[in-house]
PDB file of all heavy atoms in Angstrom:
ATOM      1  N   TYR A   1      43.788  -4.428  32.501  1.00  0.00           N
ATOM      2  CA  TYR A   1      45.205  -4.758  32.275  1.00  0.00           C
ATOM      3  C   TYR A   1      46.069  -3.622  32.800  1.00  0.00           C
ATOM      4  O   TYR A   1      45.774  -2.439  32.570  1.00  0.00           O
ATOM      5  CB  TYR A   1      45.481  -4.947  30.775  1.00  0.00           C
ATOM      6  CG  TYR A   1      46.934  -5.177  30.434  1.00  0.00           C
ATOM      7  CD1 TYR A   1      47.461  -6.464  30.413  1.00  0.00           C
ATOM      8  CD2 TYR A   1      47.785  -4.105  30.135  1.00  0.00           C
ATOM      9  CE1 TYR A   1      48.802  -6.678  30.110  1.00  0.00           C
ATOM     10  CE2 TYR A   1      49.121  -4.314  29.838  1.00  0.00           C
ATOM     11  CZ  TYR A   1      49.622  -5.604  29.829  1.00  0.00           C
ATOM     12  OH  TYR A   1      50.951  -5.814  29.544  1.00  0.00           O
ATOM     13  N   VAL A   2      47.149  -3.973  33.526  1.00  0.00           N
ATOM     14  CA  VAL A   2      48.102  -2.982  34.020  1.00  0.00           C
ATOM     15  C   VAL A   2      49.514  -3.534  33.842  1.00  0.00           C
ATOM     16  O   VAL A   2      49.771  -4.703  34.154  1.00  0.00           O
ATOM     17  CB  VAL A   2      47.891  -2.661  35.520  1.00  0.00           C
ATOM     18  CG1 VAL A   2      48.887  -1.593  35.973  1.00  0.00           C
ATOM     19  CG2 VAL A   2      46.476  -2.211  35.794  1.00  0.00           C
ATOM     20  N   ALA A   3      50.418  -2.712  33.344  1.00  0.00           N
ATOM     21  CA  ALA A   3      51.815  -3.136  33.219  1.00  0.00           C
ATOM     22  C   ALA A   3      52.736  -1.933  33.318  1.00  0.00           C
ATOM     23  O   ALA A   3      52.368  -0.812  32.929  1.00  0.00           O
ATOM     24  CB  ALA A   3      52.054  -3.864  31.903  1.00  0.00           C
ATOM     25  N   ILE A   4      53.926  -2.172  33.835  1.00  0.00           N
ATOM     26  CA  ILE A   4      54.977  -1.159  33.881  1.00  0.00           C
ATOM     27  C   ILE A   4      56.239  -1.786  33.305  1.00  0.00           C
ATOM     28  O   ILE A   4      56.621  -2.902  33.677  1.00  0.00           O
ATOM     29  CB  ILE A   4      55.265  -0.685  35.319  1.00  0.00           C
ATOM     30  CG1 ILE A   4      53.971  -0.316  36.046  1.00  0.00           C
ATOM     31  CG2 ILE A   4      56.228   0.506  35.298  1.00  0.00           C
ATOM     32  CD1 ILE A   4      54.182   0.035  37.516  1.00  0.00           C
ATOM     33  N   THR A   5      56.872  -1.073  32.391  1.00  0.00           N
ATOM     34  CA  THR A   5      58.119  -1.560  31.819  1.00  0.00           C
ATOM     35  C   THR A   5      58.936  -0.363  31.341  1.00  0.00           C
ATOM     36  O   THR A   5      58.498   0.790  31.453  1.00  0.00           O
ATOM     37  CB  THR A   5      57.856  -2.551  30.664  1.00  0.00           C
ATOM     38  OG1 THR A   5      59.086  -3.187  30.288  1.00  0.00           O
ATOM     39  CG2 THR A   5      57.265  -1.840  29.446  1.00  0.00           C
ATOM     40  N   LEU A   6      60.109  -0.623  30.796  1.00  0.00           N
ATOM     41  CA  LEU A   6      60.973   0.447  30.305  1.00  0.00           C
ATOM     42  C   LEU A   6      60.731   0.661  28.820  1.00  0.00           C
ATOM     43  O   LEU A   6      60.786  -0.280  28.031  1.00  0.00           O
ATOM     44  CB  LEU A   6      62.441   0.101  30.547  1.00  0.00           C
ATOM     45  CG  LEU A   6      63.480   1.053  29.942  1.00  0.00           C
ATOM     46  CD1 LEU A   6      63.373   2.438  30.587  1.00  0.00           C
ATOM     47  CD2 LEU A   6      64.889   0.502  30.102  1.00  0.00           C
ATOM     48  N   ASP A   7      60.460   1.891  28.442  1.00  0.00           N
ATOM     49  CA  ASP A   7      60.357   2.271  27.036  1.00  0.00           C
ATOM     50  C   ASP A   7      61.720   2.824  26.617  1.00  0.00           C
ATOM     51  O   ASP A   7      62.056   3.974  26.910  1.00  0.00           O
ATOM     52  CB  ASP A   7      59.266   3.325  26.843  1.00  0.00           C
ATOM     53  CG  ASP A   7      59.051   3.676  25.370  1.00  0.00           C
ATOM     54  OD1 ASP A   7      59.940   3.375  24.544  1.00  0.00           O
ATOM     55  OD2 ASP A   7      58.004   4.262  25.047  1.00  0.00           O
ATOM     56  N   ARG A   8      62.514   1.991  25.962  1.00  0.00           N
ATOM     57  CA  ARG A   8      63.880   2.380  25.621  1.00  0.00           C
ATOM     58  C   ARG A   8      63.916   3.548  24.638  1.00  0.00           C
ATOM     59  O   ARG A   8      64.874   4.322  24.619  1.00  0.00           O
ATOM     60  CB  ARG A   8      64.636   1.178  25.048  1.00  0.00           C
ATOM     61  CG  ARG A   8      64.817   0.051  26.056  1.00  0.00           C
ATOM     62  CD  ARG A   8      65.619  -1.113  25.502  1.00  0.00           C
ATOM     63  NE  ARG A   8      65.691  -2.210  26.458  1.00  0.00           N
ATOM     64  CZ  ARG A   8      66.551  -2.285  27.454  1.00  0.00           C
ATOM     65  NH1 ARG A   8      67.433  -1.322  27.625  1.00  0.00           N
ATOM     66  NH2 ARG A   8      66.542  -3.318  28.279  1.00  0.00           N
ATOM     67  N   SER A   9      62.892   3.670  23.806  1.00  0.00           N
ATOM     68  CA  SER A   9      62.877   4.753  22.826  1.00  0.00           C
ATOM     69  C   SER A   9      62.769   6.125  23.489  1.00  0.00           C
ATOM     70  O   SER A   9      63.195   7.135  22.929  1.00  0.00           O
ATOM     71  CB  SER A   9      61.715   4.566  21.843  1.00  0.00           C
ATOM     72  OG  SER A   9      60.469   4.723  22.492  1.00  0.00           O
ATOM     73  N   LYS A  10      62.194   6.177  24.697  1.00  0.00           N
ATOM     74  CA  LYS A  10      62.037   7.440  25.424  1.00  0.00           C
ATOM     75  C   LYS A  10      62.924   7.520  26.660  1.00  0.00           C
ATOM     76  O   LYS A  10      62.945   8.542  27.355  1.00  0.00           O
ATOM     77  CB  LYS A  10      60.573   7.624  25.836  1.00  0.00           C
ATOM     78  CG  LYS A  10      59.606   7.814  24.675  1.00  0.00           C
ATOM     79  CD  LYS A  10      58.186   8.019  25.178  1.00  0.00           C
ATOM     80  CE  LYS A  10      57.205   8.213  24.040  1.00  0.00           C
ATOM     81  NZ  LYS A  10      57.356   9.533  23.394  1.00  0.00           N
ATOM     82  N   ASN A  11      63.641   6.433  26.955  1.00  0.00           N
ATOM     83  CA  ASN A  11      64.473   6.373  28.166  1.00  0.00           C
ATOM     84  C   ASN A  11      63.666   6.672  29.427  1.00  0.00           C
ATOM     85  O   ASN A  11      64.155   7.325  30.361  1.00  0.00           O
ATOM     86  CB  ASN A  11      65.658   7.346  28.054  1.00  0.00           C
ATOM     87  CG  ASN A  11      66.646   6.932  26.990  1.00  0.00           C
ATOM     88  OD1 ASN A  11      66.919   5.747  26.825  1.00  0.00           O
ATOM     89  ND2 ASN A  11      67.178   7.902  26.269  1.00  0.00           N
ATOM     90  N   GLN A  12      62.434   6.199  29.442  1.00  0.00           N
ATOM     91  CA  GLN A  12      61.561   6.392  30.593  1.00  0.00           C
ATOM     92  C   GLN A  12      60.718   5.138  30.805  1.00  0.00           C
ATOM     93  O   GLN A  12      60.450   4.389  29.863  1.00  0.00           O
ATOM     94  CB  GLN A  12      60.637   7.599  30.382  1.00  0.00           C
ATOM     95  CG  GLN A  12      61.341   8.941  30.349  1.00  0.00           C
ATOM     96  CD  GLN A  12      60.363  10.094  30.194  1.00  0.00           C
ATOM     97  OE1 GLN A  12      59.244   9.913  29.732  1.00  0.00           O
ATOM     98  NE2 GLN A  12      60.788  11.286  30.575  1.00  0.00           N
ATOM     99  N   ASP A  13      60.300   4.944  32.054  1.00  0.00           N
ATOM    100  CA  ASP A  13      59.354   3.867  32.334  1.00  0.00           C
ATOM    101  C   ASP A  13      57.987   4.269  31.806  1.00  0.00           C
ATOM    102  O   ASP A  13      57.594   5.437  31.871  1.00  0.00           O
ATOM    103  CB  ASP A  13      59.270   3.608  33.838  1.00  0.00           C
ATOM    104  CG  ASP A  13      60.570   3.062  34.406  1.00  0.00           C
ATOM    105  OD1 ASP A  13      61.171   2.188  33.763  1.00  0.00           O
ATOM    106  OD2 ASP A  13      60.988   3.528  35.486  1.00  0.00           O
ATOM    107  N   VAL A  14      57.261   3.293  31.289  1.00  0.00           N
ATOM    108  CA  VAL A  14      55.910   3.544  30.794  1.00  0.00           C
ATOM    109  C   VAL A  14      54.929   2.671  31.574  1.00  0.00           C
ATOM    110  O   VAL A  14      55.187   1.495  31.823  1.00  0.00           O
ATOM    111  CB  VAL A  14      55.796   3.270  29.274  1.00  0.00           C
ATOM    112  CG1 VAL A  14      56.182   1.830  28.933  1.00  0.00           C
ATOM    113  CG2 VAL A  14      54.396   3.580  28.763  1.00  0.00           C
ATOM    114  N   ILE A  15      53.830   3.289  32.007  1.00  0.00           N
ATOM    115  CA  ILE A  15      52.744   2.555  32.651  1.00  0.00           C
ATOM    116  C   ILE A  15      51.609   2.457  31.655  1.00  0.00           C
ATOM    117  O   ILE A  15      51.162   3.467  31.098  1.00  0.00           O
ATOM    118  CB  ILE A  15      52.258   3.259  33.939  1.00  0.00           C
ATOM    119  CG1 ILE A  15      53.435   3.477  34.891  1.00  0.00           C
ATOM    120  CG2 ILE A  15      51.183   2.421  34.627  1.00  0.00           C
ATOM    121  CD1 ILE A  15      53.058   4.220  36.166  1.00  0.00           C
ATOM    122  N   MET A  16      51.145   1.239  31.418  1.00  0.00           N
ATOM    123  CA  MET A  16      50.083   0.996  30.448  1.00  0.00           C
ATOM    124  C   MET A  16      48.889   0.367  31.156  1.00  0.00           C
ATOM    125  O   MET A  16      49.057  -0.562  31.948  1.00  0.00           O
ATOM    126  CB  MET A  16      50.560   0.050  29.339  1.00  0.00           C
ATOM    127  CG  MET A  16      51.732   0.565  28.542  1.00  0.00           C
ATOM    128  SD  MET A  16      52.329  -0.655  27.346  1.00  0.00           S
ATOM    129  CE  MET A  16      53.163  -1.797  28.441  1.00  0.00           C
ATOM    130  N   VAL A  17      47.700   0.856  30.852  1.00  0.00           N
ATOM    131  CA  VAL A  17      46.477   0.264  31.394  1.00  0.00           C
ATOM    132  C   VAL A  17      45.465   0.121  30.264  1.00  0.00           C
ATOM    133  O   VAL A  17      45.524   0.828  29.258  1.00  0.00           O
ATOM    134  CB  VAL A  17      45.872   1.110  32.540  1.00  0.00           C
ATOM    135  CG1 VAL A  17      46.856   1.257  33.677  1.00  0.00           C
ATOM    136  CG2 VAL A  17      45.424   2.472  32.031  1.00  0.00           C
ATOM    137  N   SER A  18      44.550  -0.801  30.459  1.00  0.00           N
ATOM    138  CA  SER A  18      43.508  -1.005  29.456  1.00  0.00           C
ATOM    139  C   SER A  18      42.271  -1.597  30.124  1.00  0.00           C
ATOM    140  O   SER A  18      42.373  -2.330  31.111  1.00  0.00           O
ATOM    141  CB  SER A  18      43.998  -1.940  28.342  1.00  0.00           C
ATOM    142  OG  SER A  18      42.957  -2.229  27.424  1.00  0.00           O
ATOM    143  N   THR A  19      41.126  -1.286  29.558  1.00  0.00           N
ATOM    144  CA  THR A  19      39.876  -1.904  30.023  1.00  0.00           C
ATOM    145  C   THR A  19      39.742  -3.327  29.515  1.00  0.00           C
ATOM    146  O   THR A  19      38.853  -4.059  29.950  1.00  0.00           O
ATOM    147  CB  THR A  19      38.663  -1.087  29.533  1.00  0.00           C
ATOM    148  OG1 THR A  19      38.739  -0.953  28.103  1.00  0.00           O
ATOM    149  CG2 THR A  19      38.633   0.286  30.174  1.00  0.00           C
ATOM    150  N   GLU A  20      40.629  -3.724  28.603  1.00  0.00           N
ATOM    151  CA  GLU A  20      40.560  -5.060  28.002  1.00  0.00           C
ATOM    152  C   GLU A  20      41.488  -6.021  28.733  1.00  0.00           C
ATOM    153  O   GLU A  20      42.431  -6.555  28.155  1.00  0.00           O
ATOM    154  CB  GLU A  20      40.918  -4.990  26.509  1.00  0.00           C
ATOM    155  CG  GLU A  20      40.092  -3.982  25.735  1.00  0.00           C
ATOM    156  CD  GLU A  20      38.602  -4.260  25.844  1.00  0.00           C
ATOM    157  OE1 GLU A  20      38.166  -5.349  25.440  1.00  0.00           O
ATOM    158  OE2 GLU A  20      37.869  -3.370  26.341  1.00  0.00           O
ATOM    159  N   GLY A  21      41.242  -6.238  30.006  1.00  0.00           N
ATOM    160  CA  GLY A  21      42.066  -7.160  30.784  1.00  0.00           C
ATOM    161  C   GLY A  21      41.703  -8.604  30.515  1.00  0.00           C
ATOM    162  O   GLY A  21      40.631  -8.915  29.990  1.00  0.00           O
ATOM    163  N   GLY A  22      42.621  -9.504  30.858  1.00  0.00           N
ATOM    164  CA  GLY A  22      42.391 -10.923  30.659  1.00  0.00           C
ATOM    165  C   GLY A  22      42.621 -11.381  29.235  1.00  0.00           C
ATOM    166  O   GLY A  22      42.440 -12.555  28.909  1.00  0.00           O
ATOM    167  N   MET A  23      43.019 -10.451  28.352  1.00  0.00           N
ATOM    168  CA  MET A  23      43.247 -10.778  26.947  1.00  0.00           C
ATOM    169  C   MET A  23      44.722 -10.627  26.625  1.00  0.00           C
ATOM    170  O   MET A  23      45.510 -10.130  27.431  1.00  0.00           O
ATOM    171  CB  MET A  23      42.433  -9.836  26.040  1.00  0.00           C
ATOM    172  CG  MET A  23      40.931  -9.928  26.213  1.00  0.00           C
ATOM    173  SD  MET A  23      40.064  -8.725  25.189  1.00  0.00           S
ATOM    174  CE  MET A  23      40.560  -9.237  23.536  1.00  0.00           C
ATOM    175  N   ASP A  24      45.116 -11.060  25.416  1.00  0.00           N
ATOM    176  CA  ASP A  24      46.474 -10.824  24.943  1.00  0.00           C
ATOM    177  C   ASP A  24      46.604  -9.346  24.628  1.00  0.00           C
ATOM    178  O   ASP A  24      45.957  -8.835  23.706  1.00  0.00           O
ATOM    179  CB  ASP A  24      46.763 -11.651  23.689  1.00  0.00           C
ATOM    180  CG  ASP A  24      46.777 -13.141  23.976  1.00  0.00           C
ATOM    181  OD1 ASP A  24      47.121 -13.507  25.103  1.00  0.00           O
ATOM    182  OD2 ASP A  24      46.443 -13.924  23.067  1.00  0.00           O
ATOM    183  N   ILE A  25      47.447  -8.647  25.377  1.00  0.00           N
ATOM    184  CA  ILE A  25      47.561  -7.203  25.186  1.00  0.00           C
ATOM    185  C   ILE A  25      48.123  -6.882  23.804  1.00  0.00           C
ATOM    186  O   ILE A  25      47.831  -5.821  23.231  1.00  0.00           O
ATOM    187  CB  ILE A  25      48.425  -6.568  26.307  1.00  0.00           C
ATOM    188  CG1 ILE A  25      48.219  -5.051  26.351  1.00  0.00           C
ATOM    189  CG2 ILE A  25      49.886  -6.944  26.141  1.00  0.00           C
ATOM    190  CD1 ILE A  25      46.816  -4.610  26.685  1.00  0.00           C
ATOM    191  N   GLU A  26      48.917  -7.810  23.240  1.00  0.00           N
ATOM    192  CA  GLU A  26      49.442  -7.591  21.891  1.00  0.00           C
ATOM    193  C   GLU A  26      48.302  -7.517  20.879  1.00  0.00           C
ATOM    194  O   GLU A  26      48.337  -6.720  19.937  1.00  0.00           O
ATOM    195  CB  GLU A  26      50.419  -8.710  21.497  1.00  0.00           C
ATOM    196  CG  GLU A  26      51.700  -8.753  22.304  1.00  0.00           C
ATOM    197  CD  GLU A  26      51.551  -9.489  23.612  1.00  0.00           C
ATOM    198  OE1 GLU A  26      50.423  -9.987  23.910  1.00  0.00           O
ATOM    199  OE2 GLU A  26      52.542  -9.563  24.370  1.00  0.00           O
ATOM    200  N   LYS A  27      47.290  -8.353  21.078  1.00  0.00           N
ATOM    201  CA  LYS A  27      46.131  -8.338  20.179  1.00  0.00           C
ATOM    202  C   LYS A  27      45.344  -7.044  20.329  1.00  0.00           C
ATOM    203  O   LYS A  27      44.872  -6.470  19.345  1.00  0.00           O
ATOM    204  CB  LYS A  27      45.236  -9.546  20.481  1.00  0.00           C
ATOM    205  CG  LYS A  27      44.081  -9.731  19.505  1.00  0.00           C
ATOM    206  CD  LYS A  27      43.292 -11.002  19.823  1.00  0.00           C
ATOM    207  CE  LYS A  27      42.149 -11.186  18.830  1.00  0.00           C
ATOM    208  NZ  LYS A  27      41.360 -12.409  19.128  1.00  0.00           N
ATOM    209  N   VAL A  28      45.208  -6.579  21.572  1.00  0.00           N
ATOM    210  CA  VAL A  28      44.513  -5.317  21.821  1.00  0.00           C
ATOM    211  C   VAL A  28      45.271  -4.176  21.154  1.00  0.00           C
ATOM    212  O   VAL A  28      44.676  -3.302  20.510  1.00  0.00           O
ATOM    213  CB  VAL A  28      44.379  -5.046  23.338  1.00  0.00           C
ATOM    214  CG1 VAL A  28      43.729  -3.683  23.589  1.00  0.00           C
ATOM    215  CG2 VAL A  28      43.570  -6.148  24.001  1.00  0.00           C
ATOM    216  N   ALA A  29      46.601  -4.180  21.289  1.00  0.00           N
ATOM    217  CA  ALA A  29      47.428  -3.125  20.705  1.00  0.00           C
ATOM    218  C   ALA A  29      47.310  -3.098  19.188  1.00  0.00           C
ATOM    219  O   ALA A  29      47.345  -2.036  18.564  1.00  0.00           O
ATOM    220  CB  ALA A  29      48.886  -3.320  21.122  1.00  0.00           C
ATOM    221  N   GLU A  30      47.158  -4.270  18.599  1.00  0.00           N
ATOM    222  CA  GLU A  30      47.074  -4.369  17.140  1.00  0.00           C
ATOM    223  C   GLU A  30      45.696  -3.979  16.619  1.00  0.00           C
ATOM    224  O   GLU A  30      45.578  -3.263  15.617  1.00  0.00           O
ATOM    225  CB  GLU A  30      47.406  -5.801  16.709  1.00  0.00           C
ATOM    226  CG  GLU A  30      47.394  -6.012  15.204  1.00  0.00           C
ATOM    227  CD  GLU A  30      47.729  -7.446  14.812  1.00  0.00           C
ATOM    228  OE1 GLU A  30      48.275  -8.193  15.660  1.00  0.00           O
ATOM    229  OE2 GLU A  30      47.438  -7.823  13.664  1.00  0.00           O
ATOM    230  N   GLU A  31      44.648  -4.435  17.300  1.00  0.00           N
ATOM    231  CA  GLU A  31      43.298  -4.253  16.772  1.00  0.00           C
ATOM    232  C   GLU A  31      42.597  -3.003  17.310  1.00  0.00           C
ATOM    233  O   GLU A  31      41.853  -2.348  16.582  1.00  0.00           O
ATOM    234  CB  GLU A  31      42.459  -5.496  17.089  1.00  0.00           C
ATOM    235  CG  GLU A  31      42.992  -6.767  16.417  1.00  0.00           C
ATOM    236  CD  GLU A  31      42.160  -7.994  16.758  1.00  0.00           C
ATOM    237  OE1 GLU A  31      41.201  -7.867  17.546  1.00  0.00           O
ATOM    238  OE2 GLU A  31      42.486  -9.085  16.242  1.00  0.00           O
ATOM    239  N   THR A  32      42.812  -2.679  18.588  1.00  0.00           N
ATOM    240  CA  THR A  32      42.147  -1.505  19.186  1.00  0.00           C
ATOM    241  C   THR A  32      43.133  -0.735  20.061  1.00  0.00           C
ATOM    242  O   THR A  32      42.976  -0.679  21.288  1.00  0.00           O
ATOM    243  CB  THR A  32      40.922  -1.935  20.026  1.00  0.00           C
ATOM    244  OG1 THR A  32      41.341  -2.951  20.976  1.00  0.00           O
ATOM    245  CG2 THR A  32      39.815  -2.478  19.155  1.00  0.00           C
ATOM    246  N   PRO A  33      44.162  -0.139  19.446  1.00  0.00           N
ATOM    247  CA  PRO A  33      45.201   0.547  20.233  1.00  0.00           C
ATOM    248  C   PRO A  33      44.660   1.705  21.067  1.00  0.00           C
ATOM    249  O   PRO A  33      45.273   2.067  22.079  1.00  0.00           O
ATOM    250  CB  PRO A  33      46.173   1.051  19.160  1.00  0.00           C
ATOM    251  CG  PRO A  33      45.375   1.093  17.894  1.00  0.00           C
ATOM    252  CD  PRO A  33      44.403  -0.044  18.001  1.00  0.00           C
ATOM    253  N   GLU A  34      43.509   2.266  20.667  1.00  0.00           N
ATOM    254  CA  GLU A  34      42.923   3.375  21.431  1.00  0.00           C
ATOM    255  C   GLU A  34      42.457   2.935  22.817  1.00  0.00           C
ATOM    256  O   GLU A  34      42.194   3.778  23.694  1.00  0.00           O
ATOM    257  CB  GLU A  34      41.749   3.989  20.664  1.00  0.00           C
ATOM    258  CG  GLU A  34      40.510   3.125  20.540  1.00  0.00           C
ATOM    259  CD  GLU A  34      40.571   2.070  19.427  1.00  0.00           C
ATOM    260  OE1 GLU A  34      41.630   1.964  18.761  1.00  0.00           O
ATOM    261  OE2 GLU A  34      39.561   1.371  19.230  1.00  0.00           O
ATOM    262  N   LYS A  35      42.367   1.620  23.047  1.00  0.00           N
ATOM    263  CA  LYS A  35      41.933   1.116  24.347  1.00  0.00           C
ATOM    264  C   LYS A  35      43.094   0.945  25.333  1.00  0.00           C
ATOM    265  O   LYS A  35      42.892   0.462  26.439  1.00  0.00           O
ATOM    266  CB  LYS A  35      41.197  -0.211  24.175  1.00  0.00           C
ATOM    267  CG  LYS A  35      39.850  -0.062  23.454  1.00  0.00           C
ATOM    268  CD  LYS A  35      39.096  -1.373  23.398  1.00  0.00           C
ATOM    269  CE  LYS A  35      37.727  -1.187  22.748  1.00  0.00           C
ATOM    270  NZ  LYS A  35      36.959  -2.447  22.687  1.00  0.00           N
ATOM    271  N   ILE A  36      44.287   1.322  24.912  1.00  0.00           N
ATOM    272  CA  ILE A  36      45.447   1.276  25.804  1.00  0.00           C
ATOM    273  C   ILE A  36      45.846   2.703  26.168  1.00  0.00           C
ATOM    274  O   ILE A  36      46.093   3.533  25.301  1.00  0.00           O
ATOM    275  CB  ILE A  36      46.634   0.551  25.146  1.00  0.00           C
ATOM    276  CG1 ILE A  36      46.265  -0.901  24.817  1.00  0.00           C
ATOM    277  CG2 ILE A  36      47.853   0.578  26.073  1.00  0.00           C
ATOM    278  CD1 ILE A  36      47.356  -1.667  24.106  1.00  0.00           C
ATOM    279  N   ILE A  37      45.884   2.979  27.458  1.00  0.00           N
ATOM    280  CA  ILE A  37      46.269   4.299  27.968  1.00  0.00           C
ATOM    281  C   ILE A  37      47.691   4.195  28.501  1.00  0.00           C
ATOM    282  O   ILE A  37      48.027   3.274  29.254  1.00  0.00           O
ATOM    283  CB  ILE A  37      45.315   4.749  29.089  1.00  0.00           C
ATOM    284  CG1 ILE A  37      43.873   4.774  28.576  1.00  0.00           C
ATOM    285  CG2 ILE A  37      45.717   6.120  29.630  1.00  0.00           C
ATOM    286  CD1 ILE A  37      42.837   4.842  29.674  1.00  0.00           C
ATOM    287  N   LYS A  38      48.544   5.160  28.131  1.00  0.00           N
ATOM    288  CA  LYS A  38      49.946   5.121  28.548  1.00  0.00           C
ATOM    289  C   LYS A  38      50.354   6.446  29.190  1.00  0.00           C
ATOM    290  O   LYS A  38      49.914   7.513  28.756  1.00  0.00           O
ATOM    291  CB  LYS A  38      50.865   4.864  27.346  1.00  0.00           C
ATOM    292  CG  LYS A  38      50.633   3.545  26.625  1.00  0.00           C
ATOM    293  CD  LYS A  38      51.586   3.409  25.449  1.00  0.00           C
ATOM    294  CE  LYS A  38      51.345   2.122  24.673  1.00  0.00           C
ATOM    295  NZ  LYS A  38      52.276   1.995  23.519  1.00  0.00           N
TER     296      LYS A  38
END
C-alpha cells in the first residue's frame, strides 16, 4: 500500500506505505498500526 496526502495537523504532506496492500488501510491502521510506515 502506498499513499500521499496532506496531514493538516503537521502542515506537511505525509507518505504512507505498508506491506498490507490490497486491504482496507483503515482496518490495518486500527488493528496493526505498526505495519504502516510514515
